[in-house]
Amino acid sequence: MSDAKKTLRSEARARRATLTDPGFAQRIAAFADELGIPDGAVVAGYHPFRDEADPRELLAALSARGHQLALPCVAAARSALIFRAWNAGDPLKPNVYGIAEPLASAQEVVPGAVLVPLLAFDASGHRLGYGGGYYDRTFEALPRTRLIGVAYSGQESSAIPHEAHDHRLDLIVTENGVRPFHHT
């Protein structure tokens, strides 16, 4: 399985690098009301790294709807992520991977919804992450949380290899709209 995922990661990374779209962030912001996030839920997003699909305009729209925002932080290698409160303009610092995260002084929060970066996704809601397992460990540790992938539509793959510990997305938001996944 790991060889198949490794090959798929390499292909998905190369494909995603070709999908940049300057209007993407604004288009997905228009779908904030379609994500099914309960009123008052904390929403964790992410600060885009390299060529990841940019969720910042969507986060701004969710903030305008009254949601407290948060960003993930790496607490320790091979552990679950923690989430710290964040608002646009708050100071960020690079973590060990160079990804921007809130300062340690920011309040730790538990999200009710998480916007998830990814390399690829399939029609069943399986996602291909970066291979570190941070998000799957995090989803295992969190109480039931709405998992929302953020991606370019061109990141869809015919099938993502998956294992029992891999968590599926509840829905995906792309520049083309919101697509729910029905889990059996």
Protein backbone atom coordinates (compact mmCIF):
# COMPACT_ATOMS: atom_id res chain seq x y z
CA MET A 1 0.00 0.00 0.00
CA SER A 2 2.73 2.48 0.91
CA ASP A 3 4.40 2.11 -2.51
CA ALA A 4 1.08 2.78 -4.27
CA LYS A 5 0.48 5.84 -2.09
CA LYS A 6 4.04 7.07 -2.60
CA THR A 7 3.66 6.89 -6.38
CA LEU A 8 0.23 8.53 -6.24
CA ARG A 9 1.59 11.32 -3.99
CA SER A 10 4.31 12.12 -6.50
CA GLU A 11 1.82 12.21 -9.38
CA ALA A 12 -0.72 14.23 -7.38
CA ARG A 13 1.90 16.78 -6.31
CA ALA A 14 2.94 17.32 -9.93
CA ARG A 15 -0.70 17.60 -11.07
CA ARG A 16 -1.62 20.06 -8.30
CA ALA A 17 1.32 22.31 -9.25
CA THR A 18 -0.34 22.86 -12.65
CA LEU A 19 -3.74 23.82 -11.22
CA THR A 20 -3.15 27.32 -9.91
CA ASP A 21 -6.16 29.56 -10.39
CA PRO A 22 -6.05 33.23 -9.29
CA GLY A 23 -9.83 33.37 -8.75
CA PHE A 24 -10.06 30.13 -6.75
CA ALA A 25 -10.07 31.61 -3.23
CA GLN A 26 -12.84 34.09 -4.03
CA ARG A 27 -14.99 31.46 -5.77
CA ILE A 28 -14.90 29.00 -2.87
CA ALA A 29 -15.71 31.79 -0.38
CA ALA A 30 -19.12 32.02 -2.04
CA PHE A 31 -19.88 28.48 -0.80
CA ALA A 32 -19.51 29.25 2.93
CA ASP A 33 -23.25 28.82 3.56
CA GLU A 34 -23.29 25.39 1.89
CA LEU A 35 -20.79 23.66 4.18
CA GLY A 36 -23.29 22.63 6.87
CA ILE A 37 -21.17 23.98 9.71
CA PRO A 38 -23.29 24.41 12.85
CA ASP A 39 -23.70 27.93 14.19
CA GLY A 40 -21.06 28.76 16.75
CA ALA A 41 -18.71 25.92 15.77
CA VAL A 42 -14.99 26.68 15.76
CA VAL A 43 -13.64 26.23 12.24
CA ALA A 44 -10.04 25.16 11.75
CA GLY A 45 -8.48 25.99 8.44
CA TYR A 46 -4.89 26.06 7.29
CA HIS A 47 -2.45 28.60 5.94
CA PRO A 48 -1.70 27.49 2.36
CA PHE A 49 1.77 26.07 1.83
CA ARG A 50 3.40 26.03 -1.59
CA ASP A 51 0.69 25.33 -4.18
CA GLU A 52 -2.10 24.19 -1.84
CA ALA A 53 -5.61 25.38 -2.61
CA ASP A 54 -6.02 28.64 -0.68
CA PRO A 55 -8.85 28.63 1.91
CA ARG A 56 -8.23 32.11 3.37
CA GLU A 57 -11.16 33.86 1.65
CA LEU A 58 -13.44 31.01 2.73
CA LEU A 59 -12.15 31.38 6.28
CA ALA A 60 -12.87 35.12 6.11
CA ALA A 61 -16.44 34.38 4.98
CA LEU A 62 -16.88 31.90 7.83
CA SER A 63 -15.52 34.44 10.30
CA ALA A 64 -18.04 36.98 8.99
CA ARG A 65 -20.76 34.39 9.77
CA GLY A 66 -19.59 34.41 13.40
CA HIS A 67 -17.31 31.37 13.52
CA GLN A 68 -14.14 31.48 15.63
CA LEU A 69 -11.23 30.45 13.41
CA ALA A 70 -8.23 28.30 14.24
CA LEU A 71 -5.14 26.94 12.52
CA PRO A 72 -3.34 23.64 13.11
CA CYS A 73 -0.06 23.45 15.01
CA VAL A 74 2.44 20.62 15.15
CA ALA A 75 2.89 19.89 18.86
CA ALA A 76 5.33 16.99 18.42
CA ALA A 77 6.49 14.59 15.73
CA ARG A 78 4.10 11.68 15.10
CA SER A 79 1.37 13.16 17.30
CA ALA A 80 -2.06 14.66 16.67
CA LEU A 81 -2.20 18.30 15.65
CA ILE A 82 -3.51 20.88 18.07
CA PHE A 83 -5.53 23.90 16.99
CA ARG A 84 -4.95 27.45 18.15
CA ALA A 85 -7.35 30.36 17.78
CA TRP A 86 -6.47 32.63 14.87
CA ASN A 87 -7.86 35.69 13.11
CA ALA A 88 -6.64 37.24 9.86
CA GLY A 89 -3.73 39.51 10.72
CA ASP A 90 -2.64 37.59 13.82
CA PRO A 91 1.10 36.87 13.87
CA LEU A 92 2.23 33.49 12.55
CA LYS A 93 5.52 31.63 12.77
CA PRO A 94 6.88 28.81 10.61
CA ASN A 95 6.84 25.35 12.20
CA VAL A 96 9.49 22.64 11.65
CA TYR A 97 8.09 22.04 8.14
CA GLY A 98 8.02 25.75 7.24
CA ILE A 99 4.22 25.93 7.50
CA ALA A 100 2.80 29.06 9.14
CA GLU A 101 1.00 28.49 12.43
CA PRO A 102 -0.22 30.67 15.33
CA LEU A 103 2.11 31.59 18.16
CA ALA A 104 2.22 29.32 21.22
CA SER A 105 0.48 32.09 23.18
CA ALA A 106 -2.71 31.71 21.10
CA GLN A 107 -5.53 29.87 22.87
CA GLU A 108 -5.87 26.15 22.13
CA VAL A 109 -9.38 25.30 20.83
CA VAL A 110 -11.32 22.23 19.69
CA PRO A 111 -12.83 22.65 16.20
CA GLY A 112 -16.27 21.50 15.15
CA ALA A 113 -15.20 21.63 11.50
CA VAL A 114 -11.80 21.30 9.85
CA LEU A 115 -10.85 22.54 6.38
CA VAL A 116 -8.33 19.95 5.21
CA PRO A 117 -5.51 20.42 2.68
CA LEU A 118 -4.80 17.45 0.43
CA LEU A 119 -2.96 16.19 -2.62
CA ALA A 120 -5.90 14.27 -4.14
CA PHE A 121 -9.41 13.02 -3.37
CA ASP A 122 -11.81 10.52 -4.89
CA ALA A 123 -15.59 10.24 -5.35
CA SER A 124 -15.92 8.29 -2.08
CA GLY A 125 -14.36 11.03 0.05
CA HIS A 126 -10.99 9.39 0.52
CA ARG A 127 -8.14 11.88 0.62
CA LEU A 128 -4.49 11.57 -0.13
CA GLY A 129 -2.45 13.55 2.36
CA TYR A 130 1.27 14.09 2.58
CA GLY A 131 2.10 10.82 4.31
CA GLY A 132 2.93 12.04 7.81
CA GLY A 133 -0.37 10.87 9.31
CA TYR A 134 -0.88 14.11 11.24
CA TYR A 135 -4.46 14.68 10.10
CA ASP A 136 -5.57 11.05 10.55
CA ARG A 137 -4.15 10.98 14.10
CA THR A 138 -5.87 14.30 14.75
CA PHE A 139 -9.25 13.13 13.43
CA GLU A 140 -8.97 10.02 15.61
CA ALA A 141 -8.34 12.20 18.69
CA LEU A 142 -11.09 14.77 18.06
CA PRO A 143 -14.72 14.37 18.99
CA ARG A 144 -16.93 14.05 15.90
CA THR A 145 -15.80 16.85 13.62
CA ARG A 146 -17.01 17.86 10.15
CA LEU A 147 -14.13 17.15 7.73
CA ILE A 148 -14.13 19.43 4.68
CA GLY A 149 -11.54 18.98 1.96
CA VAL A 150 -10.40 22.08 0.07
CA ALA A 151 -9.05 21.37 -3.39
CA TYR A 152 -9.00 22.28 -7.04
CA SER A 153 -11.46 20.12 -8.98
CA GLY A 154 -8.49 18.84 -11.02
CA GLN A 155 -7.16 17.12 -7.89
CA GLU A 156 -9.85 14.43 -8.12
CA SER A 157 -8.48 10.97 -8.69
CA SER A 158 -10.35 7.85 -9.81
CA ALA A 159 -9.49 6.05 -6.56
CA ILE A 160 -7.35 6.72 -3.51
CA PRO A 161 -5.82 3.67 -1.83
CA HIS A 162 -6.92 3.64 1.80
CA GLU A 163 -6.44 1.75 5.03
CA ALA A 164 -8.61 1.33 8.13
CA HIS A 165 -7.00 4.32 9.90
CA ASP A 166 -7.66 6.70 6.97
CA HIS A 167 -10.54 9.07 7.69
CA ARG A 168 -12.89 10.05 4.87
CA LEU A 169 -14.02 13.58 4.19
CA ASP A 170 -17.63 14.59 4.79
CA LEU A 171 -17.50 16.89 1.78
CA ILE A 172 -15.16 18.63 -0.62
CA VAL A 173 -15.27 22.26 -1.73
CA THR A 174 -13.72 23.13 -5.09
CA GLU A 175 -14.06 26.05 -7.46
CA ASN A 176 -17.07 24.17 -8.93
CA GLY A 177 -19.02 23.94 -5.67
CA VAL A 178 -19.58 21.72 -2.66
CA ARG A 179 -19.92 17.95 -2.98
CA PRO A 180 -21.02 15.84 0.01
CA PHE A 181 -19.80 12.27 0.43
CA HIS A 182 -22.21 9.70 1.78
CA HIS A 183 -20.56 7.19 4.09
CA THR A 184 -22.08 3.80 4.61
